[in-house]
């Protein structure tokens, strides 16, 4: 019984073809394209306002060198947001509940920020491994600790996103299962459970949006250290 709760996180197959690729390509199809008109539609205006506000808020602490990442970070946040929200629909699959997918998103960008720091300001980048004023006896230990903390950053990004989405999906399924079991025995309790389920679904939509923002925000903080 418990194993069935985790079946929703398995990649679906159709004629032996994994559909995770289709699930990851679908968000780009849903975004509205610019029309050849003087006045854009309301949807395009809302999308432009949202992207502009997010880019301004995200890139405010970064210098001009970091502004080159505006397109990448904004596109990544919209992409993860769409994947997370679409995964809350019935009979859908959420690729961001897979640790491998999140690692594939986090590791290249984290590595790019590290390489940029090593190329542009190697002294400052290496200086993060040893805090100023460290006693001489603690220097080797702190260098090892800071190096490990640097290397696990992409894993922390991926695990944070995976754990939050997985926990939300499991909680929704557990509460929904309890509601359907009690609907014929205690309709009043089942009604209360479905009310809680509705509120939890709204909370999960907020979590899906916030986790995408946190993912990109942490990447921007890593970039801020290296530009």
Protein backbone atom coordinates (compact mmCIF):
# COMPACT_ATOMS: atom_id res chain seq x y z
CA UNK A 1 0.00 0.00 0.00
CA UNK A 2 2.76 2.41 0.92
CA UNK A 3 4.66 1.67 -2.26
CA UNK A 4 1.69 2.88 -4.33
CA UNK A 5 2.01 6.35 -2.84
CA UNK A 6 5.40 6.72 -4.50
CA UNK A 7 4.24 5.41 -7.88
CA UNK A 8 3.28 8.97 -8.85
CA UNK A 9 6.97 9.88 -8.87
CA UNK A 10 7.89 7.19 -11.44
CA UNK A 11 8.47 8.43 -14.96
CA UNK A 12 5.55 7.29 -17.15
CA UNK A 13 6.19 5.32 -20.32
CA UNK A 14 4.24 5.03 -23.57
CA UNK A 15 5.23 2.25 -25.96
CA UNK A 16 8.54 2.02 -24.13
CA UNK A 17 9.25 5.74 -24.54
CA UNK A 18 9.73 7.78 -21.32
CA UNK A 19 7.29 10.68 -21.25
CA UNK A 20 9.46 12.77 -18.93
CA UNK A 21 10.96 14.39 -22.03
CA UNK A 22 7.49 15.48 -23.17
CA UNK A 23 6.71 16.78 -19.68
CA UNK A 24 9.87 18.90 -19.72
CA UNK A 25 9.25 20.32 -23.20
CA UNK A 26 5.56 21.11 -22.67
CA UNK A 27 6.02 24.32 -20.58
CA UNK A 28 7.74 26.12 -23.45
CA UNK A 29 4.70 25.47 -25.66
CA UNK A 30 2.35 27.11 -23.16
CA UNK A 31 4.12 30.46 -23.01
CA UNK A 32 2.48 33.12 -25.23
CA UNK A 33 4.52 34.39 -28.15
CA UNK A 34 4.86 38.02 -29.17
CA UNK A 35 2.30 39.04 -31.77
CA UNK A 36 2.92 41.34 -34.73
CA UNK A 37 0.69 44.09 -33.31
CA UNK A 38 1.26 47.51 -31.84
CA UNK A 39 -0.70 46.70 -28.69
CA UNK A 40 0.03 43.35 -27.00
CA UNK A 41 -2.67 41.22 -25.44
CA UNK A 42 -3.43 41.32 -21.72
CA UNK A 43 -1.64 38.02 -21.24
CA UNK A 44 1.52 39.28 -22.92
CA UNK A 45 1.36 42.50 -20.92
CA UNK A 46 1.02 40.54 -17.67
CA UNK A 47 3.90 38.27 -18.65
CA UNK A 48 6.14 41.23 -19.52
CA UNK A 49 5.26 42.99 -16.24
CA UNK A 50 6.01 39.87 -14.22
CA UNK A 51 9.32 39.17 -15.98
CA UNK A 52 10.43 42.79 -15.71
CA UNK A 53 9.60 43.00 -12.00
CA UNK A 54 11.31 39.73 -11.23
CA UNK A 55 14.45 40.56 -13.19
CA UNK A 56 14.71 43.95 -11.48
CA UNK A 57 14.29 42.44 -8.02
CA UNK A 58 16.69 39.57 -8.68
CA UNK A 59 19.48 41.54 -10.34
CA UNK A 60 19.35 44.56 -8.02
CA UNK A 61 22.27 43.40 -5.80
CA UNK A 62 24.35 42.29 -8.80
CA UNK A 63 26.71 44.49 -10.72
CA UNK A 64 26.66 45.08 -14.48
CA UNK A 65 28.60 41.85 -15.03
CA UNK A 66 25.80 39.87 -13.41
CA UNK A 67 23.11 41.47 -15.57
CA UNK A 68 24.20 39.22 -18.42
CA UNK A 69 22.52 36.38 -16.53
CA UNK A 70 19.10 38.06 -16.55
CA UNK A 71 17.73 36.03 -19.44
CA UNK A 72 19.02 32.70 -18.11
CA UNK A 73 17.78 33.18 -14.55
CA UNK A 74 14.39 34.57 -15.57
CA UNK A 75 13.80 31.77 -18.08
CA UNK A 76 14.86 29.18 -15.50
CA UNK A 77 12.45 30.52 -12.90
CA UNK A 78 9.51 30.60 -15.32
CA UNK A 79 10.38 27.10 -16.47
CA UNK A 80 10.56 25.62 -12.96
CA UNK A 81 7.41 27.47 -11.90
CA UNK A 82 5.48 26.06 -14.84
CA UNK A 83 6.75 22.52 -14.23
CA UNK A 84 5.81 22.72 -10.54
CA UNK A 85 2.31 24.09 -11.12
CA UNK A 86 1.52 21.71 -13.99
CA UNK A 87 2.53 18.82 -11.73
CA UNK A 88 -0.37 19.67 -9.40
CA UNK A 89 -2.93 18.92 -12.11
CA UNK A 90 -4.60 15.47 -12.09
CA UNK A 91 -2.98 12.74 -14.20
CA UNK A 92 0.22 14.73 -14.72
CA UNK A 93 3.86 14.08 -13.96
CA UNK A 94 6.18 16.50 -12.16
CA UNK A 95 9.78 16.24 -13.46
CA UNK A 96 11.05 18.43 -10.62
CA UNK A 97 10.25 15.69 -8.09
CA UNK A 98 13.19 13.80 -9.62
CA UNK A 99 16.52 14.53 -7.96
CA UNK A 100 18.39 13.80 -11.19
CA UNK A 101 16.42 16.46 -13.09
CA UNK A 102 17.02 19.08 -10.42
CA UNK A 103 20.71 18.21 -10.30
CA UNK A 104 20.88 18.62 -14.08
CA UNK A 105 19.44 22.12 -13.64
CA UNK A 106 21.53 23.13 -10.62
CA UNK A 107 24.98 21.70 -11.30
CA UNK A 108 25.85 23.39 -14.64
CA UNK A 109 24.75 26.82 -13.44
CA UNK A 110 26.55 26.48 -10.11
CA UNK A 111 29.69 25.32 -11.93
CA UNK A 112 29.43 28.30 -14.27
CA UNK A 113 29.35 30.73 -11.34
CA UNK A 114 32.41 29.07 -9.80
CA UNK A 115 34.35 29.14 -13.07
CA UNK A 116 33.45 32.80 -13.61
CA UNK A 117 34.78 33.64 -10.16
CA UNK A 118 37.99 31.67 -10.73
CA UNK A 119 38.54 33.41 -14.06
CA UNK A 120 37.65 37.00 -13.14
CA UNK A 121 38.82 37.23 -9.53
CA UNK A 122 40.66 34.08 -8.44
CA UNK A 123 42.03 35.66 -5.26
CA UNK A 124 38.59 36.65 -4.00
CA UNK A 125 37.06 33.32 -5.06
CA UNK A 126 39.70 31.35 -3.18
CA UNK A 127 39.46 33.77 -0.27
CA UNK A 128 35.92 32.51 0.45
CA UNK A 129 37.49 29.20 1.50
CA UNK A 130 39.31 30.84 4.41
CA UNK A 131 37.53 33.46 6.57
CA UNK A 132 39.63 36.42 7.64
CA UNK A 133 41.16 36.23 11.09
CA UNK A 134 41.19 32.44 11.29
CA UNK A 135 43.63 31.01 13.89
CA UNK A 136 46.54 29.19 12.23
CA UNK A 137 45.65 25.85 13.82
CA UNK A 138 42.15 25.93 12.31
CA UNK A 139 43.22 26.88 8.79
CA UNK A 140 43.43 23.31 7.35
CA UNK A 141 40.15 22.28 8.97
CA UNK A 142 38.28 25.37 7.80
CA UNK A 143 39.59 25.02 4.26
CA UNK A 144 38.24 21.46 4.13
CA UNK A 145 34.90 22.49 5.63
CA UNK A 146 34.45 25.47 3.29
CA UNK A 147 35.43 23.36 0.28
CA UNK A 148 32.84 20.74 1.18
CA UNK A 149 30.18 23.41 1.74
CA UNK A 150 31.00 24.85 -1.68
CA UNK A 151 30.80 21.48 -3.43
CA UNK A 152 27.47 20.47 -1.90
CA UNK A 153 25.70 23.65 -3.00
CA UNK A 154 24.18 22.14 -6.18
CA UNK A 155 23.11 19.07 -4.21
CA UNK A 156 21.47 21.30 -1.60
CA UNK A 157 19.61 23.19 -4.33
CA UNK A 158 18.36 19.99 -5.92
CA UNK A 159 17.42 18.28 -2.65
CA UNK A 160 15.53 21.36 -1.39
CA UNK A 161 13.37 21.53 -4.51
CA UNK A 162 12.83 17.76 -4.67
CA UNK A 163 11.97 17.36 -0.98
CA UNK A 164 9.47 20.22 -0.86
CA UNK A 165 7.56 19.10 -3.93
CA UNK A 166 7.65 15.41 -2.99
CA UNK A 167 6.37 16.11 0.53
CA UNK A 168 3.52 18.23 -0.82
CA UNK A 169 2.43 15.62 -3.36
CA UNK A 170 2.51 12.85 -0.76
CA UNK A 171 0.53 14.90 1.75
CA UNK A 172 -2.15 15.70 -0.83
CA UNK A 173 -2.45 12.04 -1.80
CA UNK A 174 -2.63 10.85 1.81
CA UNK A 175 -5.35 13.35 2.74
CA UNK A 176 -7.32 12.63 -0.45
CA UNK A 177 -7.14 8.88 0.22
CA UNK A 178 -8.41 9.39 3.76
CA UNK A 179 -11.27 11.56 2.50
CA UNK A 180 -12.43 8.99 -0.05
CA UNK A 181 -12.28 6.21 2.53
CA UNK A 182 -14.42 8.18 5.02
CA UNK A 183 -16.92 9.62 2.54
CA UNK A 184 -19.29 6.66 2.90
CA UNK A 185 -18.77 6.18 6.64
CA UNK A 186 -18.55 9.74 8.02
CA UNK A 187 -19.63 12.25 5.35
CA UNK A 188 -19.20 15.23 7.70
CA UNK A 189 -15.61 14.34 8.51
CA UNK A 190 -14.95 13.65 4.84
CA UNK A 191 -16.31 17.11 3.98
CA UNK A 192 -13.92 18.69 6.47
CA UNK A 193 -11.06 16.65 5.03
CA UNK A 194 -11.84 17.82 1.50
CA UNK A 195 -11.96 21.42 2.74
CA UNK A 196 -8.50 20.95 4.24
CA UNK A 197 -7.42 19.34 0.96
CA UNK A 198 -8.61 22.37 -0.99
CA UNK A 199 -6.69 24.72 1.27
CA UNK A 200 -3.64 22.47 1.09
CA UNK A 201 -3.79 22.54 -2.70
CA UNK A 202 -3.71 26.34 -2.63
CA UNK A 203 -0.75 26.14 -0.27
CA UNK A 204 1.02 23.76 -2.63
CA UNK A 205 0.53 26.16 -5.52
CA UNK A 206 2.22 28.83 -3.42
CA UNK A 207 5.01 26.40 -2.48
CA UNK A 208 5.53 25.51 -6.15
CA UNK A 209 5.98 29.18 -7.03
CA UNK A 210 8.11 30.03 -3.99
CA UNK A 211 10.45 27.07 -4.43
CA UNK A 212 11.15 28.07 -8.03
CA UNK A 213 11.94 31.60 -6.85
CA UNK A 214 14.18 30.33 -4.03
CA UNK A 215 16.05 28.04 -6.45
CA UNK A 216 16.90 30.94 -8.76
CA UNK A 217 17.51 33.37 -5.89
CA UNK A 218 20.17 31.10 -4.39
CA UNK A 219 21.82 30.78 -7.79
CA UNK A 220 21.90 34.57 -8.03
CA UNK A 221 23.53 34.75 -4.59
CA UNK A 222 26.18 32.28 -5.72
CA UNK A 223 26.70 34.45 -8.78
CA UNK A 224 26.97 37.57 -6.62
CA UNK A 225 29.95 36.07 -4.81
CA UNK A 226 31.83 35.56 -8.06
CA UNK A 227 31.16 38.67 -10.15
